Amino acid sequence: MPRTDNDTWDLATSVGATATMVAAARAIASNADNAVINDQFAEPLVRAVGIDFFTRWITGDLAAADVDDEESGWKLEHMPDAMAARTRFFDSFFEDAARAGVRQAVILASGLDARAYRLPWPADMTVFEVDQPQVIEFKTTTLQRLGAAPTADLRTVAIDLRQDWPRALADAGFDKTKPTAWIAEGLLGYLPPDAQDRLMDNVTALSARGSRLAVEAIPDRPEQDTEKAKEMMRRATAKWREHGFELDWEELGFEGERSDVAVYLGNLGWRTDGTQMSRLLADNNLAAVPQDNDSVSMADTIYYSSVLGE
């Protein structure tokens, strides 16, 4: 079912299910030989969501090769390494910000992100998690039942990012006079193009000089490739249905021309560097993800790290 401007979800439906899939990939990556990440909360959170398809994937009862389309440029098989590289990028971003003296962090669309519980934050760090109310409640309750405790002063902000989240963030104690480290992981593609711009406008308005921002973005593709990309995703997930999990992945994003992230942030005063997923994989000694000149693959995703002019 196509997205609507005011749709909502939990962690087993729509965009929420993608957060569960990413957590499942992190769980597999954490259990790999010579793992580059250690997310000890990923597996129990995925189990708690209860999507059988992903539970069987993390336990090895379901092999990615059995559900992947051989000719598709997008495969479940590539997810664990890709998410390991992505997780390492954002973990390192926060660690670098903390070393630089930043003591306020915001995780936008936090999903099943457990960084507030697993990263070695400084004792005086405050971490804000922003997401849909159902998502925040589920994760908070589940981690409490697991006996997990935040390693920072955690403030949850239960609100849709299409609503007045800056006010909600302020009500939770956010101080816009202090430098902040922001991340938007796996988010921009699920926002309408104008909402993507508003998000970056709002982040900028709330950021003191020296603030940092990390986001990921998929490179623009020609308009005529839109249907081709949708067909690729339909083929990539077709066999999922045979195993009891239905998700219209190709309908989860919003179409329309998007601003170039680096250019847009540059115009707002941010200094930005971008790194492709292919480079992150290589830097972490992880297997390469195939790239196809005819379409955009996971390896083409760009990871941006920005600093607001000082």
C-alpha atoms as a PDB file:
ATOM      1  CA  MET A   1       0.000   0.000   0.000  1.00  0.00           C
ATOM      2  CA  PRO A   2       1.433   3.431  -0.957  1.00  0.00           C
ATOM      3  CA  ARG A   3       2.465   5.811   1.802  1.00  0.00           C
ATOM      4  CA  THR A   4       0.274   8.727   2.852  1.00  0.00           C
ATOM      5  CA  ASP A   5       1.237  12.020   4.467  1.00  0.00           C
ATOM      6  CA  ASN A   6      -0.121  11.069   7.889  1.00  0.00           C
ATOM      7  CA  ASP A   7       0.400   7.301   7.995  1.00  0.00           C
ATOM      8  CA  THR A   8       1.689   5.620  11.123  1.00  0.00           C
ATOM      9  CA  TRP A   9       3.232   2.249  11.938  1.00  0.00           C
ATOM     10  CA  ASP A  10       4.679  -0.093  14.525  1.00  0.00           C
ATOM     11  CA  LEU A  11       7.809  -2.226  14.231  1.00  0.00           C
ATOM     12  CA  ALA A  12       6.037  -5.011  12.359  1.00  0.00           C
ATOM     13  CA  THR A  13       4.422  -2.886   9.642  1.00  0.00           C
ATOM     14  CA  SER A  14       5.325  -0.426   6.892  1.00  0.00           C
ATOM     15  CA  VAL A  15       8.488   1.606   7.555  1.00  0.00           C
ATOM     16  CA  GLY A  16       8.701   0.131  11.042  1.00  0.00           C
ATOM     17  CA  ALA A  17       9.339  -3.312   9.582  1.00  0.00           C
ATOM     18  CA  THR A  18      12.423  -1.967   7.832  1.00  0.00           C
ATOM     19  CA  ALA A  19      13.819  -0.964  11.228  1.00  0.00           C
ATOM     20  CA  THR A  20      13.312  -4.541  12.378  1.00  0.00           C
ATOM     21  CA  MET A  21      15.047  -5.858   9.254  1.00  0.00           C
ATOM     22  CA  VAL A  22      18.030  -3.565   9.883  1.00  0.00           C
ATOM     23  CA  ALA A  23      18.204  -4.739  13.510  1.00  0.00           C
ATOM     24  CA  ALA A  24      18.143  -8.343  12.279  1.00  0.00           C
ATOM     25  CA  ALA A  25      21.064  -7.581   9.970  1.00  0.00           C
ATOM     26  CA  ARG A  26      22.934  -5.994  12.882  1.00  0.00           C
ATOM     27  CA  ALA A  27      22.288  -9.104  14.967  1.00  0.00           C
ATOM     28  CA  ILE A  28      23.762 -11.343  12.269  1.00  0.00           C
ATOM     29  CA  ALA A  29      26.708  -8.987  11.786  1.00  0.00           C
ATOM     30  CA  SER A  30      27.367  -8.928  15.529  1.00  0.00           C
ATOM     31  CA  ASN A  31      27.613 -12.726  15.585  1.00  0.00           C
ATOM     32  CA  ALA A  32      29.940 -12.918  12.578  1.00  0.00           C
ATOM     33  CA  ASP A  33      33.545 -14.027  12.781  1.00  0.00           C
ATOM     34  CA  ASN A  34      35.775 -10.956  13.212  1.00  0.00           C
ATOM     35  CA  ALA A  35      32.670  -8.800  13.730  1.00  0.00           C
ATOM     36  CA  VAL A  36      33.187  -5.055  13.318  1.00  0.00           C
ATOM     37  CA  ILE A  37      30.166  -4.188  15.506  1.00  0.00           C
ATOM     38  CA  ASN A  38      28.710  -5.542  18.741  1.00  0.00           C
ATOM     39  CA  ASP A  39      25.021  -4.794  19.134  1.00  0.00           C
ATOM     40  CA  GLN A  40      24.018  -7.170  21.907  1.00  0.00           C
ATOM     41  CA  PHE A  41      20.474  -5.808  21.954  1.00  0.00           C
ATOM     42  CA  ALA A  42      19.655  -6.334  18.281  1.00  0.00           C
ATOM     43  CA  GLU A  43      18.703 -10.012  18.481  1.00  0.00           C
ATOM     44  CA  PRO A  44      16.448  -9.810  21.563  1.00  0.00           C
ATOM     45  CA  LEU A  45      14.698  -6.757  20.130  1.00  0.00           C
ATOM     46  CA  VAL A  46      14.042  -8.534  16.832  1.00  0.00           C
ATOM     47  CA  ARG A  47      12.722 -11.572  18.687  1.00  0.00           C
ATOM     48  CA  ALA A  48      10.431  -9.326  20.719  1.00  0.00           C
ATOM     49  CA  VAL A  49       8.937  -7.740  17.587  1.00  0.00           C
ATOM     50  CA  GLY A  50       7.933 -11.234  16.548  1.00  0.00           C
ATOM     51  CA  ILE A  51       8.194 -11.198  12.746  1.00  0.00           C
ATOM     52  CA  ASP A  52       8.858 -14.876  12.101  1.00  0.00           C
ATOM     53  CA  PHE A  53      10.699 -14.182   8.831  1.00  0.00           C
ATOM     54  CA  PHE A  54      13.359 -12.081  10.570  1.00  0.00           C
ATOM     55  CA  THR A  55      13.560 -14.315  13.638  1.00  0.00           C
ATOM     56  CA  ARG A  56      14.313 -17.313  11.410  1.00  0.00           C
ATOM     57  CA  TRP A  57      16.875 -15.239   9.501  1.00  0.00           C
ATOM     58  CA  ILE A  58      18.874 -14.306  12.610  1.00  0.00           C
ATOM     59  CA  THR A  59      18.836 -17.889  13.900  1.00  0.00           C
ATOM     60  CA  GLY A  60      19.950 -19.350  10.571  1.00  0.00           C
ATOM     61  CA  ASP A  61      16.711 -21.234  10.001  1.00  0.00           C
ATOM     62  CA  LEU A  62      16.147 -19.076   6.915  1.00  0.00           C
ATOM     63  CA  ALA A  63      18.985 -18.608   4.446  1.00  0.00           C
ATOM     64  CA  ALA A  64      19.096 -15.377   2.476  1.00  0.00           C
ATOM     65  CA  ALA A  65      20.051 -17.358  -0.618  1.00  0.00           C
ATOM     66  CA  ASP A  66      16.679 -19.122  -0.430  1.00  0.00           C
ATOM     67  CA  VAL A  67      14.709 -15.886  -0.709  1.00  0.00           C
ATOM     68  CA  ASP A  68      16.949 -13.630  -2.805  1.00  0.00           C
ATOM     69  CA  ASP A  69      16.280 -13.110  -6.504  1.00  0.00           C
ATOM     70  CA  GLU A  70      19.497 -14.044  -8.274  1.00  0.00           C
ATOM     71  CA  GLU A  71      19.159 -11.324 -10.909  1.00  0.00           C
ATOM     72  CA  SER A  72      18.177  -8.522  -8.541  1.00  0.00           C
ATOM     73  CA  GLY A  73      20.678  -5.815  -7.630  1.00  0.00           C
ATOM     74  CA  TRP A  74      19.336  -5.847  -4.062  1.00  0.00           C
ATOM     75  CA  LYS A  75      19.789  -8.951  -1.915  1.00  0.00           C
ATOM     76  CA  LEU A  76      19.078  -9.803   1.711  1.00  0.00           C
ATOM     77  CA  GLU A  77      22.398 -11.656   1.626  1.00  0.00           C
ATOM     78  CA  HIS A  78      24.259  -8.327   1.456  1.00  0.00           C
ATOM     79  CA  MET A  79      22.451  -6.726   4.373  1.00  0.00           C
ATOM     80  CA  PRO A  80      24.550  -7.906   7.362  1.00  0.00           C
ATOM     81  CA  ASP A  81      27.842  -6.580   5.966  1.00  0.00           C
ATOM     82  CA  ALA A  82      26.206  -3.397   4.689  1.00  0.00           C
ATOM     83  CA  MET A  83      24.549  -2.716   8.051  1.00  0.00           C
ATOM     84  CA  ALA A  84      27.779  -3.508   9.878  1.00  0.00           C
ATOM     85  CA  ALA A  85      29.566  -0.846   7.824  1.00  0.00           C
ATOM     86  CA  ARG A  86      26.707   1.604   8.288  1.00  0.00           C
ATOM     87  CA  THR A  87      26.520   0.993  12.035  1.00  0.00           C
ATOM     88  CA  ARG A  88      30.271   1.431  12.394  1.00  0.00           C
ATOM     89  CA  PHE A  89      30.036   4.745  10.532  1.00  0.00           C
ATOM     90  CA  PHE A  90      27.383   6.191  12.840  1.00  0.00           C
ATOM     91  CA  ASP A  91      28.955   4.714  15.997  1.00  0.00           C
ATOM     92  CA  SER A  92      32.272   6.316  15.076  1.00  0.00           C
ATOM     93  CA  PHE A  93      30.519   9.589  14.328  1.00  0.00           C
ATOM     94  CA  PHE A  94      29.127   9.758  17.862  1.00  0.00           C
ATOM     95  CA  GLU A  95      32.397   8.639  19.414  1.00  0.00           C
ATOM     96  CA  ASP A  96      34.303  11.354  17.529  1.00  0.00           C
ATOM     97  CA  ALA A  97      31.752  13.992  18.547  1.00  0.00           C
ATOM     98  CA  ALA A  98      32.026  12.993  22.198  1.00  0.00           C
ATOM     99  CA  ARG A  99      35.834  13.174  22.044  1.00  0.00           C
ATOM    100  CA  ALA A 100      35.466  16.687  20.622  1.00  0.00           C
ATOM    101  CA  GLY A 101      33.441  17.739  23.662  1.00  0.00           C
ATOM    102  CA  VAL A 102      29.883  17.482  22.308  1.00  0.00           C
ATOM    103  CA  ARG A 103      27.576  16.472  25.146  1.00  0.00           C
ATOM    104  CA  GLN A 104      24.167  16.416  23.463  1.00  0.00           C
ATOM    105  CA  ALA A 105      23.084  13.841  20.873  1.00  0.00           C
ATOM    106  CA  VAL A 106      19.873  13.396  18.901  1.00  0.00           C
ATOM    107  CA  ILE A 107      18.896  10.188  17.102  1.00  0.00           C
ATOM    108  CA  LEU A 108      16.187  11.016  14.572  1.00  0.00           C
ATOM    109  CA  ALA A 109      13.824   8.134  13.727  1.00  0.00           C
ATOM    110  CA  SER A 110      15.622   5.970  16.274  1.00  0.00           C
ATOM    111  CA  GLY A 111      13.732   2.740  15.530  1.00  0.00           C
ATOM    112  CA  LEU A 112      15.507  -0.197  17.203  1.00  0.00           C
ATOM    113  CA  ASP A 113      18.748   1.762  17.516  1.00  0.00           C
ATOM    114  CA  ALA A 114      20.241   0.845  20.913  1.00  0.00           C
ATOM    115  CA  ARG A 115      23.157   3.288  20.936  1.00  0.00           C
ATOM    116  CA  ALA A 116      21.826   4.995  24.057  1.00  0.00           C
ATOM    117  CA  TYR A 117      22.312   1.627  25.801  1.00  0.00           C
ATOM    118  CA  ARG A 118      25.476   0.220  24.247  1.00  0.00           C
ATOM    119  CA  LEU A 119      27.895   3.050  23.393  1.00  0.00           C
ATOM    120  CA  PRO A 120      30.446   4.182  26.025  1.00  0.00           C
ATOM    121  CA  TRP A 121      29.048   7.695  26.395  1.00  0.00           C
ATOM    122  CA  PRO A 122      30.712  10.312  28.619  1.00  0.00           C
ATOM    123  CA  ALA A 123      29.088  10.554  32.049  1.00  0.00           C
ATOM    124  CA  ASP A 124      27.552  13.949  31.252  1.00  0.00           C
ATOM    125  CA  MET A 125      26.089  13.025  27.839  1.00  0.00           C
ATOM    126  CA  THR A 126      22.383  13.512  27.111  1.00  0.00           C
ATOM    127  CA  VAL A 127      20.877  11.439  24.287  1.00  0.00           C
ATOM    128  CA  PHE A 128      17.490  12.220  22.746  1.00  0.00           C
ATOM    129  CA  GLU A 129      15.643   9.545  20.761  1.00  0.00           C
ATOM    130  CA  VAL A 130      12.890  10.748  18.422  1.00  0.00           C
ATOM    131  CA  ASP A 131      10.396   8.369  16.812  1.00  0.00           C
ATOM    132  CA  GLN A 132       6.757   7.351  16.510  1.00  0.00           C
ATOM    133  CA  PRO A 133       5.078   6.841  19.910  1.00  0.00           C
ATOM    134  CA  GLN A 134       4.456   3.106  19.279  1.00  0.00           C
ATOM    135  CA  VAL A 135       8.111   2.573  18.400  1.00  0.00           C
ATOM    136  CA  ILE A 136       9.451   4.446  21.424  1.00  0.00           C
ATOM    137  CA  GLU A 137       7.111   2.636  23.813  1.00  0.00           C
ATOM    138  CA  PHE A 138       7.945  -0.808  22.434  1.00  0.00           C
ATOM    139  CA  LYS A 139      11.702  -0.384  22.525  1.00  0.00           C
ATOM    140  CA  THR A 140      11.780   1.265  25.949  1.00  0.00           C
ATOM    141  CA  THR A 141       9.546  -1.390  27.507  1.00  0.00           C
ATOM    142  CA  THR A 142      11.401  -4.291  25.870  1.00  0.00           C
ATOM    143  CA  LEU A 143      14.836  -3.065  26.949  1.00  0.00           C
ATOM    144  CA  GLN A 144      13.581  -2.535  30.495  1.00  0.00           C
ATOM    145  CA  ARG A 145      12.348  -6.135  30.565  1.00  0.00           C
ATOM    146  CA  LEU A 146      15.784  -7.248  29.398  1.00  0.00           C
ATOM    147  CA  GLY A 147      17.308  -5.400  32.336  1.00  0.00           C
ATOM    148  CA  ALA A 148      19.142  -2.974  30.052  1.00  0.00           C
ATOM    149  CA  ALA A 149      19.976   0.485  31.326  1.00  0.00           C
ATOM    150  CA  PRO A 150      20.982   3.538  29.261  1.00  0.00           C
ATOM    151  CA  THR A 151      24.652   4.468  29.358  1.00  0.00           C
ATOM    152  CA  ALA A 152      23.730   8.153  29.041  1.00  0.00           C
ATOM    153  CA  ASP A 153      20.974  10.469  30.224  1.00  0.00           C
ATOM    154  CA  LEU A 154      18.328   9.209  27.785  1.00  0.00           C
ATOM    155  CA  ARG A 155      15.330  11.388  26.885  1.00  0.00           C
ATOM    156  CA  THR A 156      12.725   9.806  24.604  1.00  0.00           C
ATOM    157  CA  VAL A 157      10.659  12.054  22.340  1.00  0.00           C
ATOM    158  CA  ALA A 158       7.587  10.229  21.078  1.00  0.00           C
ATOM    159  CA  ILE A 159       6.486  12.130  17.999  1.00  0.00           C
ATOM    160  CA  ASP A 160       6.268  11.753  14.230  1.00  0.00           C
ATOM    161  CA  LEU A 161       8.967  13.758  12.451  1.00  0.00           C
ATOM    162  CA  ARG A 162       6.292  15.216  10.166  1.00  0.00           C
ATOM    163  CA  GLN A 163       4.822  16.953  13.225  1.00  0.00           C
ATOM    164  CA  ASP A 164       6.279  19.698  15.442  1.00  0.00           C
ATOM    165  CA  TRP A 165       9.167  17.640  16.740  1.00  0.00           C
ATOM    166  CA  PRO A 166      11.415  20.666  17.466  1.00  0.00           C
ATOM    167  CA  ARG A 167       8.943  21.815  20.131  1.00  0.00           C
ATOM    168  CA  ALA A 168       8.683  18.285  21.534  1.00  0.00           C
ATOM    169  CA  LEU A 169      12.478  18.067  21.640  1.00  0.00           C
ATOM    170  CA  ALA A 170      12.667  21.366  23.541  1.00  0.00           C
ATOM    171  CA  ASP A 171      10.016  20.136  25.971  1.00  0.00           C
ATOM    172  CA  ALA A 172      12.239  17.102  26.659  1.00  0.00           C
ATOM    173  CA  GLY A 173      15.067  19.405  27.733  1.00  0.00           C
ATOM    174  CA  PHE A 174      17.014  19.929  24.519  1.00  0.00           C
ATOM    175  CA  ASP A 175      19.291  22.992  24.690  1.00  0.00           C
ATOM    176  CA  LYS A 176      19.870  24.572  21.301  1.00  0.00           C
ATOM    177  CA  THR A 177      22.648  26.780  22.659  1.00  0.00           C
ATOM    178  CA  LYS A 178      24.897  23.729  23.054  1.00  0.00           C
ATOM    179  CA  PRO A 179      26.632  21.920  20.176  1.00  0.00           C
ATOM    180  CA  THR A 180      24.746  18.775  19.222  1.00  0.00           C
ATOM    181  CA  ALA A 181      25.574  15.570  17.370  1.00  0.00           C
ATOM    182  CA  TRP A 182      22.635  14.547  15.161  1.00  0.00           C
ATOM    183  CA  ILE A 183      22.123  11.415  13.113  1.00  0.00           C
ATOM    184  CA  ALA A 184      19.464  10.533  10.538  1.00  0.00           C
ATOM    185  CA  GLU A 185      20.180   6.876   9.781  1.00  0.00           C
ATOM    186  CA  GLY A 186      18.001   5.181   7.182  1.00  0.00           C
ATOM    187  CA  LEU A 187      15.551   8.072   7.238  1.00  0.00           C
ATOM    188  CA  LEU A 188      15.675  10.506   4.329  1.00  0.00           C
ATOM    189  CA  GLY A 189      14.311   8.146   1.681  1.00  0.00           C
ATOM    190  CA  TYR A 190      11.181   7.594   3.754  1.00  0.00           C
ATOM    191  CA  LEU A 191      10.382  11.312   3.913  1.00  0.00           C
ATOM    192  CA  PRO A 192       8.683  13.307   1.153  1.00  0.00           C
ATOM    193  CA  PRO A 193      11.247  15.519  -0.642  1.00  0.00           C
ATOM    194  CA  ASP A 194       9.943  18.717   0.957  1.00  0.00           C
ATOM    195  CA  ALA A 195       9.979  17.066   4.397  1.00  0.00           C
ATOM    196  CA  GLN A 196      13.633  16.136   3.852  1.00  0.00           C
ATOM    197  CA  ASP A 197      14.422  19.815   3.305  1.00  0.00           C
ATOM    198  CA  ARG A 198      12.386  20.862   6.341  1.00  0.00           C
ATOM    199  CA  LEU A 199      14.199  18.317   8.472  1.00  0.00           C
ATOM    200  CA  MET A 200      17.583  19.782   7.571  1.00  0.00           C
ATOM    201  CA  ASP A 201      16.234  23.313   8.020  1.00  0.00           C
ATOM    202  CA  ASN A 202      14.992  22.412  11.503  1.00  0.00           C
ATOM    203  CA  VAL A 203      18.220  20.665  12.477  1.00  0.00           C
ATOM    204  CA  THR A 204      20.157  23.745  11.401  1.00  0.00           C
ATOM    205  CA  ALA A 205      17.866  26.105  13.304  1.00  0.00           C
ATOM    206  CA  LEU A 206      18.366  24.011  16.451  1.00  0.00           C
ATOM    207  CA  SER A 207      22.151  23.678  16.101  1.00  0.00           C
ATOM    208  CA  ALA A 208      24.783  25.795  17.779  1.00  0.00           C
ATOM    209  CA  ARG A 209      28.066  26.348  15.976  1.00  0.00           C
ATOM    210  CA  GLY A 210      30.236  23.272  16.143  1.00  0.00           C
ATOM    211  CA  SER A 211      27.262  20.931  15.933  1.00  0.00           C
ATOM    212  CA  ARG A 212      27.659  17.794  13.847  1.00  0.00           C
ATOM    213  CA  LEU A 213      25.272  15.918  11.583  1.00  0.00           C
ATOM    214  CA  ALA A 214      25.512  12.468   9.969  1.00  0.00           C
ATOM    215  CA  VAL A 215      22.993  11.283   7.387  1.00  0.00           C
ATOM    216  CA  GLU A 216      22.805   8.787   4.557  1.00  0.00           C
ATOM    217  CA  ALA A 217      21.258   9.360   1.150  1.00  0.00           C
ATOM    218  CA  ILE A 218      20.697   7.355  -2.000  1.00  0.00           C
ATOM    219  CA  PRO A 219      22.032   9.098  -5.123  1.00  0.00           C
ATOM    220  CA  ASP A 220      19.410  10.538  -7.439  1.00  0.00           C
ATOM    221  CA  ARG A 221      18.380   8.358 -10.342  1.00  0.00           C
ATOM    222  CA  PRO A 222      16.897   9.577 -13.627  1.00  0.00           C
ATOM    223  CA  GLU A 223      13.101   9.867 -13.587  1.00  0.00           C
ATOM    224  CA  GLN A 224      12.775   7.119 -16.175  1.00  0.00           C
ATOM    225  CA  ASP A 225      14.481   4.681 -13.786  1.00  0.00           C
ATOM    226  CA  THR A 226      11.806   4.973 -11.079  1.00  0.00           C
ATOM    227  CA  GLU A 227       9.646   2.136 -12.350  1.00  0.00           C
ATOM    228  CA  LYS A 228      12.716   0.002 -13.004  1.00  0.00           C
ATOM    229  CA  ALA A 229      13.816   0.501  -9.405  1.00  0.00           C
ATOM    230  CA  LYS A 230      10.365  -0.434  -8.137  1.00  0.00           C
ATOM    231  CA  GLU A 231      10.347  -3.582 -10.217  1.00  0.00           C
ATOM    232  CA  MET A 232      13.768  -4.522  -8.853  1.00  0.00           C
ATOM    233  CA  MET A 233      12.461  -4.231  -5.285  1.00  0.00           C
ATOM    234  CA  ARG A 234       9.328  -6.219  -6.123  1.00  0.00           C
ATOM    235  CA  ARG A 235      11.494  -9.015  -7.492  1.00  0.00           C
ATOM    236  CA  ALA A 236      13.904  -8.791  -4.563  1.00  0.00           C
ATOM    237  CA  THR A 237      11.112  -9.377  -2.030  1.00  0.00           C
ATOM    238  CA  ALA A 238       8.823 -11.690  -4.034  1.00  0.00           C
ATOM    239  CA  LYS A 239      10.011 -14.857  -2.287  1.00  0.00           C
ATOM    240  CA  TRP A 240       9.547 -13.251   1.126  1.00  0.00           C
ATOM    241  CA  ARG A 241       5.816 -13.774   0.693  1.00  0.00           C
ATOM    242  CA  GLU A 242       6.362 -17.479   0.193  1.00  0.00           C
ATOM    243  CA  HIS A 243       7.879 -17.484   3.684  1.00  0.00           C
ATOM    244  CA  GLY A 244       4.999 -15.619   5.271  1.00  0.00           C
ATOM    245  CA  PHE A 245       6.213 -12.025   5.226  1.00  0.00           C
ATOM    246  CA  GLU A 246       4.574  -9.449   3.003  1.00  0.00           C
ATOM    247  CA  LEU A 247       6.000  -5.958   2.616  1.00  0.00           C
ATOM    248  CA  ASP A 248       5.497  -3.702  -0.383  1.00  0.00           C
ATOM    249  CA  TRP A 249       9.030  -2.335  -0.110  1.00  0.00           C
ATOM    250  CA  GLU A 250       8.767  -0.397  -3.360  1.00  0.00           C
ATOM    251  CA  GLU A 251       5.870   1.644  -1.932  1.00  0.00           C
ATOM    252  CA  LEU A 252       7.573   2.791   1.266  1.00  0.00           C
ATOM    253  CA  GLY A 253       9.412   5.808  -0.134  1.00  0.00           C
ATOM    254  CA  PHE A 254       8.112   9.041  -1.588  1.00  0.00           C
ATOM    255  CA  GLU A 255       8.784   9.954  -5.190  1.00  0.00           C
ATOM    256  CA  GLY A 256       9.850  13.361  -6.420  1.00  0.00           C
ATOM    257  CA  GLU A 257      13.045  15.279  -7.051  1.00  0.00           C
ATOM    258  CA  ARG A 258      15.175  15.615  -3.934  1.00  0.00           C
ATOM    259  CA  SER A 259      17.749  18.179  -2.946  1.00  0.00           C
ATOM    260  CA  ASP A 260      21.368  17.105  -3.094  1.00  0.00           C
ATOM    261  CA  VAL A 261      22.187  16.647   0.591  1.00  0.00           C
ATOM    262  CA  ALA A 262      25.716  18.068   0.486  1.00  0.00           C
ATOM    263  CA  VAL A 263      24.676  21.100  -1.554  1.00  0.00           C
ATOM    264  CA  TYR A 264      21.630  21.785   0.593  1.00  0.00           C
ATOM    265  CA  LEU A 265      23.588  21.542   3.827  1.00  0.00           C
ATOM    266  CA  GLY A 266      26.373  23.662   2.351  1.00  0.00           C
ATOM    267  CA  ASN A 267      23.883  26.434   1.675  1.00  0.00           C
ATOM    268  CA  LEU A 268      22.840  26.223   5.330  1.00  0.00           C
ATOM    269  CA  GLY A 269      26.416  26.654   6.558  1.00  0.00           C
ATOM    270  CA  TRP A 270      27.499  23.027   7.064  1.00  0.00           C
ATOM    271  CA  ARG A 271      30.855  21.692   5.881  1.00  0.00           C
ATOM    272  CA  THR A 272      30.150  18.219   4.519  1.00  0.00           C
ATOM    273  CA  ASP A 273      32.159  15.169   3.482  1.00  0.00           C
ATOM    274  CA  GLY A 274      30.594  12.136   1.822  1.00  0.00           C
ATOM    275  CA  THR A 275      31.713   8.502   1.654  1.00  0.00           C
ATOM    276  CA  GLN A 276      30.118   5.751  -0.425  1.00  0.00           C
ATOM    277  CA  MET A 277      29.058   2.488   1.151  1.00  0.00           C
ATOM    278  CA  SER A 278      31.547   0.711  -1.126  1.00  0.00           C
ATOM    279  CA  ARG A 279      34.371   2.580   0.622  1.00  0.00           C
ATOM    280  CA  LEU A 280      32.985   1.864   4.108  1.00  0.00           C
ATOM    281  CA  LEU A 281      32.841  -1.841   3.294  1.00  0.00           C
ATOM    282  CA  ALA A 282      36.428  -1.843   2.073  1.00  0.00           C
ATOM    283  CA  ASP A 283      37.657   0.161   5.069  1.00  0.00           C
ATOM    284  CA  ASN A 284      36.115  -2.416   7.416  1.00  0.00           C
ATOM    285  CA  ASN A 285      37.429  -5.418   5.446  1.00  0.00           C
ATOM    286  CA  LEU A 286      33.888  -6.470   4.580  1.00  0.00           C
ATOM    287  CA  ALA A 287      32.774  -8.112   1.353  1.00  0.00           C
ATOM    288  CA  ALA A 288      31.963  -5.781  -1.519  1.00  0.00           C
ATOM    289  CA  VAL A 289      28.355  -5.363  -2.621  1.00  0.00           C
ATOM    290  CA  PRO A 290      27.959  -5.633  -6.413  1.00  0.00           C
ATOM    291  CA  GLN A 291      27.340  -2.390  -8.274  1.00  0.00           C
ATOM    292  CA  ASP A 292      25.294  -2.178 -11.460  1.00  0.00           C
ATOM    293  CA  ASN A 293      25.590   0.675 -13.917  1.00  0.00           C
ATOM    294  CA  ASP A 294      21.898   0.323 -14.744  1.00  0.00           C
ATOM    295  CA  SER A 295      20.563   0.910 -11.226  1.00  0.00           C
ATOM    296  CA  VAL A 296      21.491   2.152  -7.765  1.00  0.00           C
ATOM    297  CA  SER A 297      22.695  -0.519  -5.326  1.00  0.00           C
ATOM    298  CA  MET A 298      23.387  -0.541  -1.587  1.00  0.00           C
ATOM    299  CA  ALA A 299      27.047   0.099  -2.403  1.00  0.00           C
ATOM    300  CA  ASP A 300      26.148   3.463  -3.961  1.00  0.00           C
ATOM    301  CA  THR A 301      24.563   4.887  -0.800  1.00  0.00           C
ATOM    302  CA  ILE A 302      26.446   7.966   0.401  1.00  0.00           C
ATOM    303  CA  TYR A 303      27.184   8.660   4.056  1.00  0.00           C
ATOM    304  CA  TYR A 304      27.609  12.310   4.930  1.00  0.00           C
ATOM    305  CA  SER A 305      29.302  13.796   7.959  1.00  0.00           C
ATOM    306  CA  SER A 306      28.864  17.542   8.473  1.00  0.00           C
ATOM    307  CA  VAL A 307      30.007  20.244  10.870  1.00  0.00           C
ATOM    308  CA  LEU A 308      28.194  23.559  11.284  1.00  0.00           C
ATOM    309  CA  GLY A 309      30.506  26.492  10.576  1.00  0.00           C
ATOM    310  CA  GLU A 310      32.614  27.580  13.495  1.00  0.00           C
END
